[in-house]
Amino acid sequence: MRLTCDIDTKNPLVLLFSILRGIWLCRSLPEIERSRKGWHLFWYGLKIDQKTMFKYRLLIRDDQNRVKLDMISDKRIQQVMFNRKIFVKIPKYK
């Protein structure tokens, strides 16, 4: 399972704290990407269930409102990062 966290601050100490806690929980280094409001942290290939993923996101200090929305909504797509998705281009036939 993939774990994505949205850290909505540009404070480097908050980012460092989140990265260290994520490393401790996930046992691996995250990919880090700068966002408009702060940072996105990505962990891939984790062998955890969805409930654990939500716990980890809260412990790493992901945006609490976003985590709550993901938890209560059945129809909302969770953890979507469209710029991280790989789209396959299908050739057009003439």
PDB file of N, CA and C in Angstrom:
ATOM      1  N   MET A   1       0.840  -1.174   0.000  1.00  0.00           N
ATOM      2  CA  MET A   1       0.000   0.000   0.000  1.00  0.00           C
ATOM      3  C   MET A   1       0.888   1.241   0.000  1.00  0.00           C
ATOM      4  N   ARG A   2       0.393   2.245  -0.630  1.00  0.00           N
ATOM      5  CA  ARG A   2       1.103   3.520  -0.686  1.00  0.00           C
ATOM      6  C   ARG A   2       0.599   4.402   0.454  1.00  0.00           C
ATOM      7  N   LEU A   3       1.501   5.168   1.045  1.00  0.00           N
ATOM      8  CA  LEU A   3       1.153   6.120   2.094  1.00  0.00           C
ATOM      9  C   LEU A   3       1.609   7.500   1.635  1.00  0.00           C
ATOM     10  N   THR A   4       0.672   8.432   1.555  1.00  0.00           N
ATOM     11  CA  THR A   4       1.011   9.805   1.186  1.00  0.00           C
ATOM     12  C   THR A   4       0.589  10.728   2.306  1.00  0.00           C
ATOM     13  N   CYS A   5       1.438  11.679   2.615  1.00  0.00           N
ATOM     14  CA  CYS A   5       1.142  12.662   3.653  1.00  0.00           C
ATOM     15  C   CYS A   5       1.323  14.052   3.081  1.00  0.00           C
ATOM     16  N   ASP A   6       0.390  14.915   3.420  1.00  0.00           N
ATOM     17  CA  ASP A   6       0.410  16.300   2.978  1.00  0.00           C
ATOM     18  C   ASP A   6       0.752  17.160   4.191  1.00  0.00           C
ATOM     19  N   ILE A   7       1.956  17.681   4.229  1.00  0.00           N
ATOM     20  CA  ILE A   7       2.411  18.520   5.334  1.00  0.00           C
ATOM     21  C   ILE A   7       2.229  19.967   4.901  1.00  0.00           C
ATOM     22  N   ASP A   8       1.226  20.625   5.487  1.00  0.00           N
ATOM     23  CA  ASP A   8       0.863  21.977   5.055  1.00  0.00           C
ATOM     24  C   ASP A   8       1.571  23.050   5.868  1.00  0.00           C
ATOM     25  N   THR A   9       2.877  23.036   5.849  1.00  0.00           N
ATOM     26  CA  THR A   9       3.673  24.088   6.465  1.00  0.00           C
ATOM     27  C   THR A   9       5.031  24.105   5.784  1.00  0.00           C
ATOM     28  N   LYS A  10       5.657  25.247   5.783  1.00  0.00           N
ATOM     29  CA  LYS A  10       7.002  25.356   5.209  1.00  0.00           C
ATOM     30  C   LYS A  10       8.075  25.361   6.286  1.00  0.00           C
ATOM     31  N   ASN A  11       7.665  25.119   7.524  1.00  0.00           N
ATOM     32  CA  ASN A  11       8.590  25.064   8.650  1.00  0.00           C
ATOM     33  C   ASN A  11       9.467  23.818   8.522  1.00  0.00           C
ATOM     34  N   PRO A  12      10.790  23.985   8.404  1.00  0.00           N
ATOM     35  CA  PRO A  12      11.665  22.823   8.212  1.00  0.00           C
ATOM     36  C   PRO A  12      11.694  21.884   9.415  1.00  0.00           C
ATOM     37  N   LEU A  13      11.457  22.402  10.630  1.00  0.00           N
ATOM     38  CA  LEU A  13      11.455  21.530  11.804  1.00  0.00           C
ATOM     39  C   LEU A  13      10.245  20.593  11.802  1.00  0.00           C
ATOM     40  N   VAL A  14       9.093  21.090  11.381  1.00  0.00           N
ATOM     41  CA  VAL A  14       7.903  20.245  11.283  1.00  0.00           C
ATOM     42  C   VAL A  14       8.129  19.176  10.221  1.00  0.00           C
ATOM     43  N   LEU A  15       8.718  19.562   9.100  1.00  0.00           N
ATOM     44  CA  LEU A  15       9.025  18.601   8.043  1.00  0.00           C
ATOM     45  C   LEU A  15       9.985  17.529   8.556  1.00  0.00           C
ATOM     46  N   LEU A  16      11.042  17.937   9.232  1.00  0.00           N
ATOM     47  CA  LEU A  16      12.020  16.987   9.773  1.00  0.00           C
ATOM     48  C   LEU A  16      11.357  16.024  10.756  1.00  0.00           C
ATOM     49  N   PHE A  17      10.517  16.551  11.644  1.00  0.00           N
ATOM     50  CA  PHE A  17       9.807  15.718  12.604  1.00  0.00           C
ATOM     51  C   PHE A  17       8.925  14.698  11.891  1.00  0.00           C
ATOM     52  N   SER A  18       8.218  15.138  10.867  1.00  0.00           N
ATOM     53  CA  SER A  18       7.332  14.241  10.117  1.00  0.00           C
ATOM     54  C   SER A  18       8.118  13.162   9.383  1.00  0.00           C
ATOM     55  N   ILE A  19       9.236  13.551   8.784  1.00  0.00           N
ATOM     56  CA  ILE A  19      10.074  12.574   8.072  1.00  0.00           C
ATOM     57  C   ILE A  19      10.631  11.541   9.042  1.00  0.00           C
ATOM     58  N   LEU A  20      11.153  11.992  10.180  1.00  0.00           N
ATOM     59  CA  LEU A  20      11.731  11.063  11.152  1.00  0.00           C
ATOM     60  C   LEU A  20      10.682  10.108  11.708  1.00  0.00           C
ATOM     61  N   ARG A  21       9.505  10.627  12.011  1.00  0.00           N
ATOM     62  CA  ARG A  21       8.442   9.767  12.511  1.00  0.00           C
ATOM     63  C   ARG A  21       8.011   8.776  11.426  1.00  0.00           C
ATOM     64  N   GLY A  22       7.944   9.235  10.175  1.00  0.00           N
ATOM     65  CA  GLY A  22       7.580   8.344   9.074  1.00  0.00           C
ATOM     66  C   GLY A  22       8.614   7.256   8.847  1.00  0.00           C
ATOM     67  N   ILE A  23       9.875   7.608   8.963  1.00  0.00           N
ATOM     68  CA  ILE A  23      10.941   6.607   8.824  1.00  0.00           C
ATOM     69  C   ILE A  23      10.820   5.560   9.926  1.00  0.00           C
ATOM     70  N   TRP A  24      10.521   6.009  11.131  1.00  0.00           N
ATOM     71  CA  TRP A  24      10.381   5.098  12.260  1.00  0.00           C
ATOM     72  C   TRP A  24       9.187   4.156  12.057  1.00  0.00           C
ATOM     73  N   LEU A  25       8.071   4.688  11.573  1.00  0.00           N
ATOM     74  CA  LEU A  25       6.873   3.878  11.376  1.00  0.00           C
ATOM     75  C   LEU A  25       6.978   2.961  10.157  1.00  0.00           C
ATOM     76  N   CYS A  26       7.451   3.497   9.044  1.00  0.00           N
ATOM     77  CA  CYS A  26       7.443   2.770   7.761  1.00  0.00           C
ATOM     78  C   CYS A  26       8.719   2.000   7.492  1.00  0.00           C
ATOM     79  N   ARG A  27       9.749   2.282   8.247  1.00  0.00           N
ATOM     80  CA  ARG A  27      11.045   1.601   8.085  1.00  0.00           C
ATOM     81  C   ARG A  27      11.681   1.824   6.721  1.00  0.00           C
ATOM     82  N   SER A  28      11.401   2.987   6.130  1.00  0.00           N
ATOM     83  CA  SER A  28      12.039   3.323   4.857  1.00  0.00           C
ATOM     84  C   SER A  28      12.019   4.833   4.670  1.00  0.00           C
ATOM     85  N   LEU A  29      12.837   5.295   3.738  1.00  0.00           N
ATOM     86  CA  LEU A  29      12.900   6.728   3.442  1.00  0.00           C
ATOM     87  C   LEU A  29      11.756   7.118   2.513  1.00  0.00           C
ATOM     88  N   PRO A  30      11.190   8.292   2.705  1.00  0.00           N
ATOM     89  CA  PRO A  30      10.115   8.725   1.814  1.00  0.00           C
ATOM     90  C   PRO A  30      10.659   9.446   0.596  1.00  0.00           C
ATOM     91  N   GLU A  31       9.831   9.526  -0.429  1.00  0.00           N
ATOM     92  CA  GLU A  31      10.094  10.466  -1.507  1.00  0.00           C
ATOM     93  C   GLU A  31       9.464  11.775  -1.056  1.00  0.00           C
ATOM     94  N   ILE A  32      10.148  12.879  -1.310  1.00  0.00           N
ATOM     95  CA  ILE A  32       9.687  14.182  -0.846  1.00  0.00           C
ATOM     96  C   ILE A  32       9.472  15.085  -2.051  1.00  0.00           C
ATOM     97  N   GLU A  33       8.340  15.775  -2.036  1.00  0.00           N
ATOM     98  CA  GLU A  33       8.014  16.683  -3.128  1.00  0.00           C
ATOM     99  C   GLU A  33       7.470  17.977  -2.532  1.00  0.00           C
ATOM    100  N   ARG A  34       7.946  19.087  -3.016  1.00  0.00           N
ATOM    101  CA  ARG A  34       7.471  20.384  -2.545  1.00  0.00           C
ATOM    102  C   ARG A  34       6.086  20.654  -3.123  1.00  0.00           C
ATOM    103  N   SER A  35       5.192  21.191  -2.294  1.00  0.00           N
ATOM    104  CA  SER A  35       3.863  21.566  -2.755  1.00  0.00           C
ATOM    105  C   SER A  35       3.684  23.069  -2.581  1.00  0.00           C
ATOM    106  N   ARG A  36       2.544  23.543  -2.981  1.00  0.00           N
ATOM    107  CA  ARG A  36       2.284  24.981  -2.889  1.00  0.00           C
ATOM    108  C   ARG A  36       2.279  25.457  -1.434  1.00  0.00           C
ATOM    109  N   LYS A  37       1.694  24.652  -0.536  1.00  0.00           N
ATOM    110  CA  LYS A  37       1.587  25.043   0.870  1.00  0.00           C
ATOM    111  C   LYS A  37       2.664  24.438   1.748  1.00  0.00           C
ATOM    112  N   GLY A  38       3.385  23.455   1.268  1.00  0.00           N
ATOM    113  CA  GLY A  38       4.376  22.786   2.115  1.00  0.00           C
ATOM    114  C   GLY A  38       5.055  21.640   1.398  1.00  0.00           C
ATOM    115  N   TRP A  39       4.733  20.400   1.820  1.00  0.00           N
ATOM    116  CA  TRP A  39       5.433  19.223   1.325  1.00  0.00           C
ATOM    117  C   TRP A  39       4.489  18.051   1.172  1.00  0.00           C
ATOM    118  N   HIS A  40       4.832  17.139   0.262  1.00  0.00           N
ATOM    119  CA  HIS A  40       4.179  15.839   0.144  1.00  0.00           C
ATOM    120  C   HIS A  40       5.236  14.783   0.414  1.00  0.00           C
ATOM    121  N   LEU A  41       4.891  13.812   1.245  1.00  0.00           N
ATOM    122  CA  LEU A  41       5.769  12.706   1.558  1.00  0.00           C
ATOM    123  C   LEU A  41       5.115  11.423   1.051  1.00  0.00           C
ATOM    124  N   PHE A  42       5.896  10.550   0.403  1.00  0.00           N
ATOM    125  CA  PHE A  42       5.381   9.325  -0.199  1.00  0.00           C
ATOM    126  C   PHE A  42       6.189   8.122   0.283  1.00  0.00           C
ATOM    127  N   TRP A  43       5.483   7.102   0.738  1.00  0.00           N
ATOM    128  CA  TRP A  43       6.076   5.808   1.034  1.00  0.00           C
ATOM    129  C   TRP A  43       5.357   4.781   0.177  1.00  0.00           C
ATOM    130  N   TYR A  44       6.093   3.906  -0.492  1.00  0.00           N
ATOM    131  CA  TYR A  44       5.515   2.919  -1.400  1.00  0.00           C
ATOM    132  C   TYR A  44       5.782   1.502  -0.901  1.00  0.00           C
ATOM    133  N   GLY A  45       4.887   0.594  -1.267  1.00  0.00           N
ATOM    134  CA  GLY A  45       5.091  -0.829  -1.012  1.00  0.00           C
ATOM    135  C   GLY A  45       5.002  -1.240   0.445  1.00  0.00           C
ATOM    136  N   LEU A  46       4.215  -0.525   1.232  1.00  0.00           N
ATOM    137  CA  LEU A  46       4.075  -0.885   2.639  1.00  0.00           C
ATOM    138  C   LEU A  46       3.089  -2.040   2.782  1.00  0.00           C
ATOM    139  N   LYS A  47       3.415  -2.955   3.657  1.00  0.00           N
ATOM    140  CA  LYS A  47       2.536  -4.100   3.897  1.00  0.00           C
ATOM    141  C   LYS A  47       1.653  -3.795   5.108  1.00  0.00           C
ATOM    142  N   ILE A  48       0.736  -2.842   4.913  1.00  0.00           N
ATOM    143  CA  ILE A  48      -0.173  -2.433   5.975  1.00  0.00           C
ATOM    144  C   ILE A  48      -1.595  -2.399   5.425  1.00  0.00           C
ATOM    145  N   ASP A  49      -2.563  -2.462   6.337  1.00  0.00           N
ATOM    146  CA  ASP A  49      -3.953  -2.359   5.906  1.00  0.00           C
ATOM    147  C   ASP A  49      -4.397  -0.898   5.934  1.00  0.00           C
ATOM    148  N   GLN A  50      -5.634  -0.657   5.523  1.00  0.00           N
ATOM    149  CA  GLN A  50      -6.122   0.710   5.402  1.00  0.00           C
ATOM    150  C   GLN A  50      -6.236   1.397   6.757  1.00  0.00           C
ATOM    151  N   LYS A  51      -6.650   0.673   7.773  1.00  0.00           N
ATOM    152  CA  LYS A  51      -6.782   1.252   9.122  1.00  0.00           C
ATOM    153  C   LYS A  51      -5.419   1.712   9.643  1.00  0.00           C
ATOM    154  N   THR A  52      -4.405   0.905   9.434  1.00  0.00           N
ATOM    155  CA  THR A  52      -3.048   1.259   9.851  1.00  0.00           C
ATOM    156  C   THR A  52      -2.543   2.455   9.056  1.00  0.00           C
ATOM    157  N   MET A  53      -2.894   2.510   7.781  1.00  0.00           N
ATOM    158  CA  MET A  53      -2.484   3.638   6.945  1.00  0.00           C
ATOM    159  C   MET A  53      -3.027   4.947   7.498  1.00  0.00           C
ATOM    160  N   PHE A  54      -4.299   4.960   7.915  1.00  0.00           N
ATOM    161  CA  PHE A  54      -4.874   6.166   8.498  1.00  0.00           C
ATOM    162  C   PHE A  54      -4.169   6.538   9.800  1.00  0.00           C
ATOM    163  N   LYS A  55      -3.850   5.531  10.612  1.00  0.00           N
ATOM    164  CA  LYS A  55      -3.130   5.786  11.866  1.00  0.00           C
ATOM    165  C   LYS A  55      -1.766   6.414  11.591  1.00  0.00           C
ATOM    166  N   TYR A  56      -1.045   5.841  10.643  1.00  0.00           N
ATOM    167  CA  TYR A  56       0.274   6.362  10.293  1.00  0.00           C
ATOM    168  C   TYR A  56       0.179   7.805   9.798  1.00  0.00           C
ATOM    169  N   ARG A  57      -0.815   8.084   8.957  1.00  0.00           N
ATOM    170  CA  ARG A  57      -0.970   9.446   8.432  1.00  0.00           C
ATOM    171  C   ARG A  57      -1.187  10.447   9.556  1.00  0.00           C
ATOM    172  N   LEU A  58      -1.997  10.081  10.539  1.00  0.00           N
ATOM    173  CA  LEU A  58      -2.218  10.985  11.678  1.00  0.00           C
ATOM    174  C   LEU A  58      -0.957  11.139  12.522  1.00  0.00           C
ATOM    175  N   LEU A  59      -0.228  10.037  12.732  1.00  0.00           N
ATOM    176  CA  LEU A  59       1.001  10.111  13.526  1.00  0.00           C
ATOM    177  C   LEU A  59       2.088  10.930  12.830  1.00  0.00           C
ATOM    178  N   ILE A  60       2.125  10.873  11.513  1.00  0.00           N
ATOM    179  CA  ILE A  60       3.121  11.630  10.751  1.00  0.00           C
ATOM    180  C   ILE A  60       2.706  13.097  10.614  1.00  0.00           C
ATOM    181  N   ARG A  61       1.507  13.420  11.038  1.00  0.00           N
ATOM    182  CA  ARG A  61       0.953  14.773  11.024  1.00  0.00           C
ATOM    183  C   ARG A  61       0.498  15.215   9.646  1.00  0.00           C
ATOM    184  N   ASP A  62      -0.165  14.305   8.965  1.00  0.00           N
ATOM    185  CA  ASP A  62      -0.847  14.659   7.728  1.00  0.00           C
ATOM    186  C   ASP A  62      -1.971  15.626   8.079  1.00  0.00           C
ATOM    187  N   ASP A  63      -2.492  16.307   7.080  1.00  0.00           N
ATOM    188  CA  ASP A  63      -3.599  17.235   7.278  1.00  0.00           C
ATOM    189  C   ASP A  63      -4.782  16.466   7.880  1.00  0.00           C
ATOM    190  N   GLN A  64      -5.165  16.806   9.114  1.00  0.00           N
ATOM    191  CA  GLN A  64      -6.193  16.052   9.833  1.00  0.00           C
ATOM    192  C   GLN A  64      -7.540  16.081   9.139  1.00  0.00           C
ATOM    193  N   ASN A  65      -7.912  17.211   8.557  1.00  0.00           N
ATOM    194  CA  ASN A  65      -9.196  17.289   7.857  1.00  0.00           C
ATOM    195  C   ASN A  65      -9.239  16.340   6.672  1.00  0.00           C
ATOM    196  N   ARG A  66      -8.134  16.244   5.942  1.00  0.00           N
ATOM    197  CA  ARG A  66      -8.079  15.349   4.787  1.00  0.00           C
ATOM    198  C   ARG A  66      -8.159  13.888   5.223  1.00  0.00           C
ATOM    199  N   VAL A  67      -7.487  13.554   6.323  1.00  0.00           N
ATOM    200  CA  VAL A  67      -7.537  12.179   6.824  1.00  0.00           C
ATOM    201  C   VAL A  67      -8.961  11.830   7.257  1.00  0.00           C
ATOM    202  N   LYS A  68      -9.622  12.743   7.964  1.00  0.00           N
ATOM    203  CA  LYS A  68     -11.000  12.496   8.404  1.00  0.00           C
ATOM    204  C   LYS A  68     -11.934  12.309   7.212  1.00  0.00           C
ATOM    205  N   LEU A  69     -11.779  13.139   6.185  1.00  0.00           N
ATOM    206  CA  LEU A  69     -12.594  12.980   4.987  1.00  0.00           C
ATOM    207  C   LEU A  69     -12.369  11.624   4.328  1.00  0.00           C
ATOM    208  N   ASP A  70     -11.115  11.203   4.246  1.00  0.00           N
ATOM    209  CA  ASP A  70     -10.798   9.902   3.655  1.00  0.00           C
ATOM    210  C   ASP A  70     -11.396   8.762   4.470  1.00  0.00           C
ATOM    211  N   MET A  71     -11.443   8.928   5.790  1.00  0.00           N
ATOM    212  CA  MET A  71     -11.945   7.871   6.655  1.00  0.00           C
ATOM    213  C   MET A  71     -13.469   7.710   6.558  1.00  0.00           C
ATOM    214  N   ILE A  72     -14.204   8.813   6.439  1.00  0.00           N
ATOM    215  CA  ILE A  72     -15.662   8.725   6.488  1.00  0.00           C
ATOM    216  C   ILE A  72     -16.319   8.581   5.120  1.00  0.00           C
ATOM    217  N   SER A  73     -15.621   8.913   4.072  1.00  0.00           N
ATOM    218  CA  SER A  73     -16.228   8.918   2.749  1.00  0.00           C
ATOM    219  C   SER A  73     -15.995   7.597   2.039  1.00  0.00           C
ATOM    220  N   ASP A  74     -17.095   6.994   1.601  1.00  0.00           N
ATOM    221  CA  ASP A  74     -16.990   5.748   0.832  1.00  0.00           C
ATOM    222  C   ASP A  74     -16.716   6.014  -0.637  1.00  0.00           C
ATOM    223  N   LYS A  75     -17.193   7.159  -1.147  1.00  0.00           N
ATOM    224  CA  LYS A  75     -17.090   7.441  -2.575  1.00  0.00           C
ATOM    225  C   LYS A  75     -15.869   8.273  -2.932  1.00  0.00           C
ATOM    226  N   ARG A  76     -15.257   8.916  -1.965  1.00  0.00           N
ATOM    227  CA  ARG A  76     -14.105   9.770  -2.230  1.00  0.00           C
ATOM    228  C   ARG A  76     -12.884   8.902  -2.514  1.00  0.00           C
ATOM    229  N   ILE A  77     -12.147   9.239  -3.539  1.00  0.00           N
ATOM    230  CA  ILE A  77     -10.909   8.525  -3.858  1.00  0.00           C
ATOM    231  C   ILE A  77      -9.840   8.990  -2.887  1.00  0.00           C
ATOM    232  N   GLN A  78      -9.185   8.044  -2.251  1.00  0.00           N
ATOM    233  CA  GLN A  78      -8.230   8.361  -1.198  1.00  0.00           C
ATOM    234  C   GLN A  78      -6.808   8.472  -1.737  1.00  0.00           C
ATOM    235  N   GLN A  79      -6.050   9.371  -1.150  1.00  0.00           N
ATOM    236  CA  GLN A  79      -4.623   9.526  -1.424  1.00  0.00           C
ATOM    237  C   GLN A  79      -4.305   9.723  -2.898  1.00  0.00           C
ATOM    238  N   VAL A  80      -5.076  10.503  -3.587  1.00  0.00           N
ATOM    239  CA  VAL A  80      -4.844  10.698  -5.015  1.00  0.00           C
ATOM    240  C   VAL A  80      -3.792  11.773  -5.229  1.00  0.00           C
ATOM    241  N   MET A  81      -2.795  11.456  -5.987  1.00  0.00           N
ATOM    242  CA  MET A  81      -1.770  12.412  -6.413  1.00  0.00           C
ATOM    243  C   MET A  81      -1.638  12.207  -7.915  1.00  0.00           C
ATOM    244  N   PHE A  82      -2.442  12.950  -8.678  1.00  0.00           N
ATOM    245  CA  PHE A  82      -2.501  12.712 -10.112  1.00  0.00           C
ATOM    246  C   PHE A  82      -1.169  12.935 -10.809  1.00  0.00           C
ATOM    247  N   ASN A  83      -0.334  13.818 -10.281  1.00  0.00           N
ATOM    248  CA  ASN A  83       0.958  14.022 -10.919  1.00  0.00           C
ATOM    249  C   ASN A  83       1.902  12.850 -10.651  1.00  0.00           C
ATOM    250  N   ARG A  84       1.544  11.933  -9.762  1.00  0.00           N
ATOM    251  CA  ARG A  84       2.341  10.744  -9.482  1.00  0.00           C
ATOM    252  C   ARG A  84       1.864   9.519 -10.233  1.00  0.00           C
ATOM    253  N   LYS A  85       0.675   9.588 -10.806  1.00  0.00           N
ATOM    254  CA  LYS A  85       0.123   8.451 -11.530  1.00  0.00           C
ATOM    255  C   LYS A  85       0.809   8.308 -12.878  1.00  0.00           C
ATOM    256  N   ILE A  86       0.955   7.085 -13.324  1.00  0.00           N
ATOM    257  CA  ILE A  86       1.525   6.822 -14.639  1.00  0.00           C
ATOM    258  C   ILE A  86       0.366   6.439 -15.553  1.00  0.00           C
ATOM    259  N   PHE A  87       0.157   7.243 -16.568  1.00  0.00           N
ATOM    260  CA  PHE A  87      -0.924   6.982 -17.505  1.00  0.00           C
ATOM    261  C   PHE A  87      -0.351   6.330 -18.753  1.00  0.00           C
ATOM    262  N   VAL A  88      -1.016   5.314 -19.211  1.00  0.00           N
ATOM    263  CA  VAL A  88      -0.589   4.604 -20.409  1.00  0.00           C
ATOM    264  C   VAL A  88      -1.260   5.267 -21.601  1.00  0.00           C
ATOM    265  N   LYS A  89      -0.478   5.644 -22.567  1.00  0.00           N
ATOM    266  CA  LYS A  89      -1.014   6.271 -23.771  1.00  0.00           C
ATOM    267  C   LYS A  89      -1.384   5.187 -24.768  1.00  0.00           C
ATOM    268  N   ILE A  90      -2.634   5.188 -25.178  1.00  0.00           N
ATOM    269  CA  ILE A  90      -3.122   4.202 -26.127  1.00  0.00           C
ATOM    270  C   ILE A  90      -3.043   4.801 -27.524  1.00  0.00           C
ATOM    271  N   PRO A  91      -2.359   4.119 -28.436  1.00  0.00           N
ATOM    272  CA  PRO A  91      -2.228   4.700 -29.789  1.00  0.00           C
ATOM    273  C   PRO A  91      -3.563   4.692 -30.524  1.00  0.00           C
ATOM    274  N   LYS A  92      -3.762   5.699 -31.351  1.00  0.00           N
ATOM    275  CA  LYS A  92      -4.973   5.795 -32.158  1.00  0.00           C
ATOM    276  C   LYS A  92      -4.740   5.056 -33.468  1.00  0.00           C
ATOM    277  N   TYR A  93      -5.769   4.308 -33.884  1.00  0.00           N
ATOM    278  CA  TYR A  93      -5.676   3.598 -35.149  1.00  0.00           C
ATOM    279  C   TYR A  93      -6.302   4.440 -36.243  1.00  0.00           C
ATOM    280  N   LYS A  94      -5.671   4.463 -37.402  1.00  0.00           N
ATOM    281  CA  LYS A  94      -6.146   5.263 -38.530  1.00  0.00           C
ATOM    282  C   LYS A  94      -6.989   4.440 -39.463  1.00  0.00           C
TER     283      LYS A  94
END
